[in-house]
Amino acid sequence: NHYNVLKDYKEDAKVSAGTPIGPGSTSH
């Protein structure tokens, strides 16, 4: 849905987005 709102753009874009990393056990 987010990507489709940008459908008129024809350019390369760098994306900055945070993400919690460090997979472990299922509880973690």
PDB file of all heavy atoms in Angstrom:
ATOM      1  N   ASN A   1       0.833  -1.211   0.000  1.00  0.00           N
ATOM      2  CA  ASN A   1       0.000   0.000   0.000  1.00  0.00           C
ATOM      3  C   ASN A   1       0.865   1.259   0.000  1.00  0.00           C
ATOM      4  O   ASN A   1       0.608   2.196  -0.771  1.00  0.00           O
ATOM      5  CB  ASN A   1      -0.942   0.012   1.204  1.00  0.00           C
ATOM      6  CG  ASN A   1      -2.067  -0.997   1.071  1.00  0.00           C
ATOM      7  OD1 ASN A   1      -2.376  -1.462  -0.027  1.00  0.00           O
ATOM      8  ND2 ASN A   1      -2.679  -1.354   2.181  1.00  0.00           N
ATOM      9  N   HIS A   2       1.889   1.294   0.848  1.00  0.00           N
ATOM     10  CA  HIS A   2       2.768   2.467   0.904  1.00  0.00           C
ATOM     11  C   HIS A   2       3.469   2.656  -0.446  1.00  0.00           C
ATOM     12  O   HIS A   2       3.560   3.768  -0.970  1.00  0.00           O
ATOM     13  CB  HIS A   2       3.829   2.320   2.002  1.00  0.00           C
ATOM     14  CG  HIS A   2       3.276   2.159   3.385  1.00  0.00           C
ATOM     15  ND1 HIS A   2       2.059   2.671   3.780  1.00  0.00           N
ATOM     16  CD2 HIS A   2       3.795   1.551   4.491  1.00  0.00           C
ATOM     17  CE1 HIS A   2       1.850   2.375   5.066  1.00  0.00           C
ATOM     18  NE2 HIS A   2       2.885   1.690   5.512  1.00  0.00           N
ATOM     19  N   TYR A   3       3.962   1.556  -1.004  1.00  0.00           N
ATOM     20  CA  TYR A   3       4.689   1.586  -2.276  1.00  0.00           C
ATOM     21  C   TYR A   3       3.790   2.081  -3.406  1.00  0.00           C
ATOM     22  O   TYR A   3       4.211   2.878  -4.247  1.00  0.00           O
ATOM     23  CB  TYR A   3       5.208   0.174  -2.569  1.00  0.00           C
ATOM     24  CG  TYR A   3       6.213   0.087  -3.690  1.00  0.00           C
ATOM     25  CD1 TYR A   3       7.504   0.583  -3.517  1.00  0.00           C
ATOM     26  CD2 TYR A   3       5.892  -0.528  -4.890  1.00  0.00           C
ATOM     27  CE1 TYR A   3       8.443   0.471  -4.528  1.00  0.00           C
ATOM     28  CE2 TYR A   3       6.827  -0.635  -5.905  1.00  0.00           C
ATOM     29  CZ  TYR A   3       8.099  -0.133  -5.728  1.00  0.00           C
ATOM     30  OH  TYR A   3       9.031  -0.242  -6.728  1.00  0.00           O
ATOM     31  N   ASN A   4       2.544   1.632  -3.405  1.00  0.00           N
ATOM     32  CA  ASN A   4       1.599   2.028  -4.464  1.00  0.00           C
ATOM     33  C   ASN A   4       1.260   3.512  -4.438  1.00  0.00           C
ATOM     34  O   ASN A   4       0.944   4.089  -5.468  1.00  0.00           O
ATOM     35  CB  ASN A   4       0.322   1.188  -4.401  1.00  0.00           C
ATOM     36  CG  ASN A   4       0.558  -0.214  -4.936  1.00  0.00           C
ATOM     37  OD1 ASN A   4       1.529  -0.464  -5.654  1.00  0.00           O
ATOM     38  ND2 ASN A   4      -0.323  -1.133  -4.577  1.00  0.00           N
ATOM     39  N   VAL A   5       1.320   4.138  -3.261  1.00  0.00           N
ATOM     40  CA  VAL A   5       1.070   5.578  -3.189  1.00  0.00           C
ATOM     41  C   VAL A   5       2.193   6.331  -3.916  1.00  0.00           C
ATOM     42  O   VAL A   5       1.995   7.429  -4.421  1.00  0.00           O
ATOM     43  CB  VAL A   5       0.946   6.072  -1.722  1.00  0.00           C
ATOM     44  CG1 VAL A   5       0.688   7.577  -1.664  1.00  0.00           C
ATOM     45  CG2 VAL A   5      -0.178   5.335  -0.990  1.00  0.00           C
ATOM     46  N   LEU A   6       3.356   5.698  -4.011  1.00  0.00           N
ATOM     47  CA  LEU A   6       4.522   6.316  -4.672  1.00  0.00           C
ATOM     48  C   LEU A   6       4.615   5.974  -6.158  1.00  0.00           C
ATOM     49  O   LEU A   6       5.649   6.192  -6.777  1.00  0.00           O
ATOM     50  CB  LEU A   6       5.807   5.851  -3.964  1.00  0.00           C
ATOM     51  CG  LEU A   6       5.968   6.280  -2.506  1.00  0.00           C
ATOM     52  CD1 LEU A   6       6.998   5.406  -1.801  1.00  0.00           C
ATOM     53  CD2 LEU A   6       6.364   7.750  -2.438  1.00  0.00           C
ATOM     54  N   LYS A   7       3.518   5.466  -6.732  1.00  0.00           N
ATOM     55  CA  LYS A   7       3.589   4.904  -8.099  1.00  0.00           C
ATOM     56  C   LYS A   7       4.016   5.894  -9.187  1.00  0.00           C
ATOM     57  O   LYS A   7       4.483   5.481 -10.237  1.00  0.00           O
ATOM     58  CB  LYS A   7       2.266   4.238  -8.473  1.00  0.00           C
ATOM     59  CG  LYS A   7       1.094   5.191  -8.611  1.00  0.00           C
ATOM     60  CD  LYS A   7      -0.197   4.419  -8.821  1.00  0.00           C
ATOM     61  CE  LYS A   7      -1.415   5.301  -8.840  1.00  0.00           C
ATOM     62  NZ  LYS A   7      -1.595   6.119  -7.631  1.00  0.00           N
ATOM     63  N   ASP A   8       3.859   7.195  -8.952  1.00  0.00           N
ATOM     64  CA  ASP A   8       4.232   8.169  -9.980  1.00  0.00           C
ATOM     65  C   ASP A   8       5.728   8.489 -10.010  1.00  0.00           C
ATOM     66  O   ASP A   8       6.186   9.183 -10.896  1.00  0.00           O
ATOM     67  CB  ASP A   8       3.443   9.472  -9.797  1.00  0.00           C
ATOM     68  CG  ASP A   8       1.969   9.282 -10.102  1.00  0.00           C
ATOM     69  OD1 ASP A   8       1.643   8.384 -10.915  1.00  0.00           O
ATOM     70  OD2 ASP A   8       1.146  10.006  -9.527  1.00  0.00           O
ATOM     71  N   TYR A   9       6.462   7.987  -9.024  1.00  0.00           N
ATOM     72  CA  TYR A   9       7.891   8.278  -8.986  1.00  0.00           C
ATOM     73  C   TYR A   9       8.663   7.292  -9.835  1.00  0.00           C
ATOM     74  O   TYR A   9       8.372   6.110  -9.844  1.00  0.00           O
ATOM     75  CB  TYR A   9       8.421   8.250  -7.546  1.00  0.00           C
ATOM     76  CG  TYR A   9       7.982   9.468  -6.789  1.00  0.00           C
ATOM     77  CD1 TYR A   9       6.789   9.465  -6.091  1.00  0.00           C
ATOM     78  CD2 TYR A   9       8.734  10.631  -6.829  1.00  0.00           C
ATOM     79  CE1 TYR A   9       6.350  10.597  -5.430  1.00  0.00           C
ATOM     80  CE2 TYR A   9       8.307  11.768  -6.174  1.00  0.00           C
ATOM     81  CZ  TYR A   9       7.112  11.744  -5.474  1.00  0.00           C
ATOM     82  OH  TYR A   9       6.674  12.868  -4.834  1.00  0.00           O
ATOM     83  N   LYS A  10       9.661   7.807 -10.569  1.00  0.00           N
ATOM     84  CA  LYS A  10      10.531   6.943 -11.370  1.00  0.00           C
ATOM     85  C   LYS A  10      11.956   7.345 -11.022  1.00  0.00           C
ATOM     86  O   LYS A  10      12.636   8.009 -11.791  1.00  0.00           O
ATOM     87  CB  LYS A  10      10.287   7.159 -12.870  1.00  0.00           C
ATOM     88  CG  LYS A  10       8.839   7.031 -13.308  1.00  0.00           C
ATOM     89  CD  LYS A  10       8.394   5.582 -13.389  1.00  0.00           C
ATOM     90  CE  LYS A  10       6.987   5.435 -13.887  1.00  0.00           C
ATOM     91  NZ  LYS A  10       5.972   5.479 -12.852  1.00  0.00           N
ATOM     92  N   GLU A  11      12.385   7.027  -9.824  1.00  0.00           N
ATOM     93  CA  GLU A  11      13.722   7.425  -9.410  1.00  0.00           C
ATOM     94  C   GLU A  11      14.261   6.423  -8.406  1.00  0.00           C
ATOM     95  O   GLU A  11      13.499   5.670  -7.800  1.00  0.00           O
ATOM     96  CB  GLU A  11      13.677   8.823  -8.776  1.00  0.00           C
ATOM     97  CG  GLU A  11      12.800   8.861  -7.537  1.00  0.00           C
ATOM     98  CD  GLU A  11      12.529  10.265  -6.998  1.00  0.00           C
ATOM     99  OE1 GLU A  11      12.055  11.122  -7.755  1.00  0.00           O
ATOM    100  OE2 GLU A  11      12.795  10.475  -5.801  1.00  0.00           O
ATOM    101  N   ASP A  12      15.561   6.437  -8.241  1.00  0.00           N
ATOM    102  CA  ASP A  12      16.181   5.581  -7.239  1.00  0.00           C
ATOM    103  C   ASP A  12      16.076   6.311  -5.908  1.00  0.00           C
ATOM    104  O   ASP A  12      16.326   7.508  -5.842  1.00  0.00           O
ATOM    105  CB  ASP A  12      17.644   5.345  -7.607  1.00  0.00           C
ATOM    106  CG  ASP A  12      18.324   4.402  -6.631  1.00  0.00           C
ATOM    107  OD1 ASP A  12      17.634   3.528  -6.069  1.00  0.00           O
ATOM    108  OD2 ASP A  12      19.540   4.543  -6.414  1.00  0.00           O
ATOM    109  N   ALA A  13      15.664   5.624  -4.866  1.00  0.00           N
ATOM    110  CA  ALA A  13      15.546   6.280  -3.571  1.00  0.00           C
ATOM    111  C   ALA A  13      16.200   5.431  -2.499  1.00  0.00           C
ATOM    112  O   ALA A  13      15.978   4.224  -2.438  1.00  0.00           O
ATOM    113  CB  ALA A  13      14.078   6.507  -3.235  1.00  0.00           C
ATOM    114  N   LYS A  14      17.014   6.054  -1.687  1.00  0.00           N
ATOM    115  CA  LYS A  14      17.591   5.353  -0.534  1.00  0.00           C
ATOM    116  C   LYS A  14      16.552   5.398   0.573  1.00  0.00           C
ATOM    117  O   LYS A  14      15.935   6.423   0.818  1.00  0.00           O
ATOM    118  CB  LYS A  14      18.857   6.052  -0.075  1.00  0.00           C
ATOM    119  CG  LYS A  14      20.004   5.865  -1.037  1.00  0.00           C
ATOM    120  CD  LYS A  14      21.262   5.485  -0.279  1.00  0.00           C
ATOM    121  CE  LYS A  14      22.453   5.197  -1.149  1.00  0.00           C
ATOM    122  NZ  LYS A  14      22.234   4.882  -2.536  1.00  0.00           N
ATOM    123  N   VAL A  15      16.359   4.257   1.229  1.00  0.00           N
ATOM    124  CA  VAL A  15      15.349   4.175   2.272  1.00  0.00           C
ATOM    125  C   VAL A  15      16.035   4.064   3.620  1.00  0.00           C
ATOM    126  O   VAL A  15      16.916   3.228   3.815  1.00  0.00           O
ATOM    127  CB  VAL A  15      14.446   2.945   2.054  1.00  0.00           C
ATOM    128  CG1 VAL A  15      13.487   2.777   3.212  1.00  0.00           C
ATOM    129  CG2 VAL A  15      13.684   3.080   0.751  1.00  0.00           C
ATOM    130  N   SER A  16      15.616   4.902   4.553  1.00  0.00           N
ATOM    131  CA  SER A  16      16.145   4.802   5.901  1.00  0.00           C
ATOM    132  C   SER A  16      15.001   4.368   6.802  1.00  0.00           C
ATOM    133  O   SER A  16      13.974   5.029   6.865  1.00  0.00           O
ATOM    134  CB  SER A  16      16.700   6.167   6.308  1.00  0.00           C
ATOM    135  OG  SER A  16      16.395   6.430   7.646  1.00  0.00           O
ATOM    136  N   ALA A  17      15.159   3.206   7.447  1.00  0.00           N
ATOM    137  CA  ALA A  17      14.104   2.714   8.341  1.00  0.00           C
ATOM    138  C   ALA A  17      14.747   1.907   9.455  1.00  0.00           C
ATOM    139  O   ALA A  17      15.632   1.096   9.202  1.00  0.00           O
ATOM    140  CB  ALA A  17      13.119   1.841   7.563  1.00  0.00           C
ATOM    141  N   GLY A  18      14.318   2.144  10.668  1.00  0.00           N
ATOM    142  CA  GLY A  18      14.875   1.398  11.799  1.00  0.00           C
ATOM    143  C   GLY A  18      14.289   0.010  11.878  1.00  0.00           C
ATOM    144  O   GLY A  18      13.195  -0.241  11.387  1.00  0.00           O
ATOM    145  N   THR A  19      15.022  -0.905  12.481  1.00  0.00           N
ATOM    146  CA  THR A  19      14.505  -2.258  12.671  1.00  0.00           C
ATOM    147  C   THR A  19      15.145  -2.892  13.900  1.00  0.00           C
ATOM    148  O   THR A  19      16.355  -2.798  14.073  1.00  0.00           O
ATOM    149  CB  THR A  19      14.776  -3.121  11.409  1.00  0.00           C
ATOM    150  OG1 THR A  19      14.250  -4.415  11.616  1.00  0.00           O
ATOM    151  CG2 THR A  19      16.250  -3.236  11.099  1.00  0.00           C
ATOM    152  N   PRO A  20      14.342  -3.495  14.791  1.00  0.00           N
ATOM    153  CA  PRO A  20      14.947  -4.203  15.926  1.00  0.00           C
ATOM    154  C   PRO A  20      15.640  -5.471  15.420  1.00  0.00           C
ATOM    155  O   PRO A  20      15.000  -6.289  14.774  1.00  0.00           O
ATOM    156  CB  PRO A  20      13.757  -4.556  16.828  1.00  0.00           C
ATOM    157  CG  PRO A  20      12.542  -4.009  16.173  1.00  0.00           C
ATOM    158  CD  PRO A  20      12.895  -3.587  14.787  1.00  0.00           C
ATOM    159  N   ILE A  21      16.937  -5.580  15.648  1.00  0.00           N
ATOM    160  CA  ILE A  21      17.663  -6.741  15.124  1.00  0.00           C
ATOM    161  C   ILE A  21      18.257  -7.593  16.232  1.00  0.00           C
ATOM    162  O   ILE A  21      18.262  -7.211  17.394  1.00  0.00           O
ATOM    163  CB  ILE A  21      18.773  -6.335  14.127  1.00  0.00           C
ATOM    164  CG1 ILE A  21      19.748  -5.361  14.787  1.00  0.00           C
ATOM    165  CG2 ILE A  21      18.193  -5.767  12.855  1.00  0.00           C
ATOM    166  CD1 ILE A  21      21.016  -5.149  14.002  1.00  0.00           C
ATOM    167  N   GLY A  22      18.778  -8.751  15.830  1.00  0.00           N
ATOM    168  CA  GLY A  22      19.397  -9.680  16.762  1.00  0.00           C
ATOM    169  C   GLY A  22      18.485 -10.838  17.075  1.00  0.00           C
ATOM    170  O   GLY A  22      18.052 -11.005  18.215  1.00  0.00           O
ATOM    171  N   PRO A  23      18.141 -11.671  16.055  1.00  0.00           N
ATOM    172  CA  PRO A  23      17.231 -12.788  16.309  1.00  0.00           C
ATOM    173  C   PRO A  23      17.813 -13.753  17.333  1.00  0.00           C
ATOM    174  O   PRO A  23      19.028 -13.889  17.438  1.00  0.00           O
ATOM    175  CB  PRO A  23      17.090 -13.470  14.946  1.00  0.00           C
ATOM    176  CG  PRO A  23      18.288 -13.050  14.176  1.00  0.00           C
ATOM    177  CD  PRO A  23      18.647 -11.678  14.679  1.00  0.00           C
ATOM    178  N   GLY A  24      16.918 -14.380  18.076  1.00  0.00           N
ATOM    179  CA  GLY A  24      17.352 -15.348  19.079  1.00  0.00           C
ATOM    180  C   GLY A  24      16.284 -16.401  19.240  1.00  0.00           C
ATOM    181  O   GLY A  24      15.733 -16.893  18.261  1.00  0.00           O
ATOM    182  N   SER A  25      15.956 -16.704  20.494  1.00  0.00           N
ATOM    183  CA  SER A  25      14.912 -17.688  20.770  1.00  0.00           C
ATOM    184  C   SER A  25      13.553 -17.092  20.378  1.00  0.00           C
ATOM    185  O   SER A  25      13.433 -15.878  20.164  1.00  0.00           O
ATOM    186  CB  SER A  25      14.894 -18.003  22.261  1.00  0.00           C
ATOM    187  OG  SER A  25      14.463 -16.842  22.976  1.00  0.00           O
ATOM    188  N   THR A  26      12.532 -17.913  20.333  1.00  0.00           N
ATOM    189  CA  THR A  26      11.186 -17.435  20.003  1.00  0.00           C
ATOM    190  C   THR A  26      10.723 -16.381  21.002  1.00  0.00           C
ATOM    191  O   THR A  26      10.135 -15.369  20.608  1.00  0.00           O
ATOM    192  CB  THR A  26      10.211 -18.627  19.916  1.00  0.00           C
ATOM    193  OG1 THR A  26      10.640 -19.452  18.826  1.00  0.00           O
ATOM    194  CG2 THR A  26       8.787 -18.164  19.660  1.00  0.00           C
ATOM    195  N   SER A  27      11.013 -16.572  22.270  1.00  0.00           N
ATOM    196  CA  SER A  27      10.641 -15.580  23.277  1.00  0.00           C
ATOM    197  C   SER A  27      11.323 -14.242  22.975  1.00  0.00           C
ATOM    198  O   SER A  27      10.684 -13.184  22.994  1.00  0.00           O
ATOM    199  CB  SER A  27      11.040 -16.068  24.677  1.00  0.00           C
ATOM    200  OG  SER A  27      10.817 -15.031  25.621  1.00  0.00           O
ATOM    201  N   HIS A  28      12.606 -14.294  22.674  1.00  0.00           N
ATOM    202  CA  HIS A  28      13.362 -13.085  22.337  1.00  0.00           C
ATOM    203  C   HIS A  28      12.815 -12.436  21.059  1.00  0.00           C
ATOM    204  O   HIS A  28      12.650 -11.221  20.991  1.00  0.00           O
ATOM    205  CB  HIS A  28      14.847 -13.454  22.158  1.00  0.00           C
ATOM    206  CG  HIS A  28      15.691 -12.317  21.673  1.00  0.00           C
ATOM    207  ND1 HIS A  28      16.147 -11.322  22.514  1.00  0.00           N
ATOM    208  CD2 HIS A  28      16.141 -12.014  20.433  1.00  0.00           C
ATOM    209  CE1 HIS A  28      16.858 -10.451  21.799  1.00  0.00           C
ATOM    210  NE2 HIS A  28      16.871 -10.850  20.549  1.00  0.00           N
TER     211      HIS A  28
END
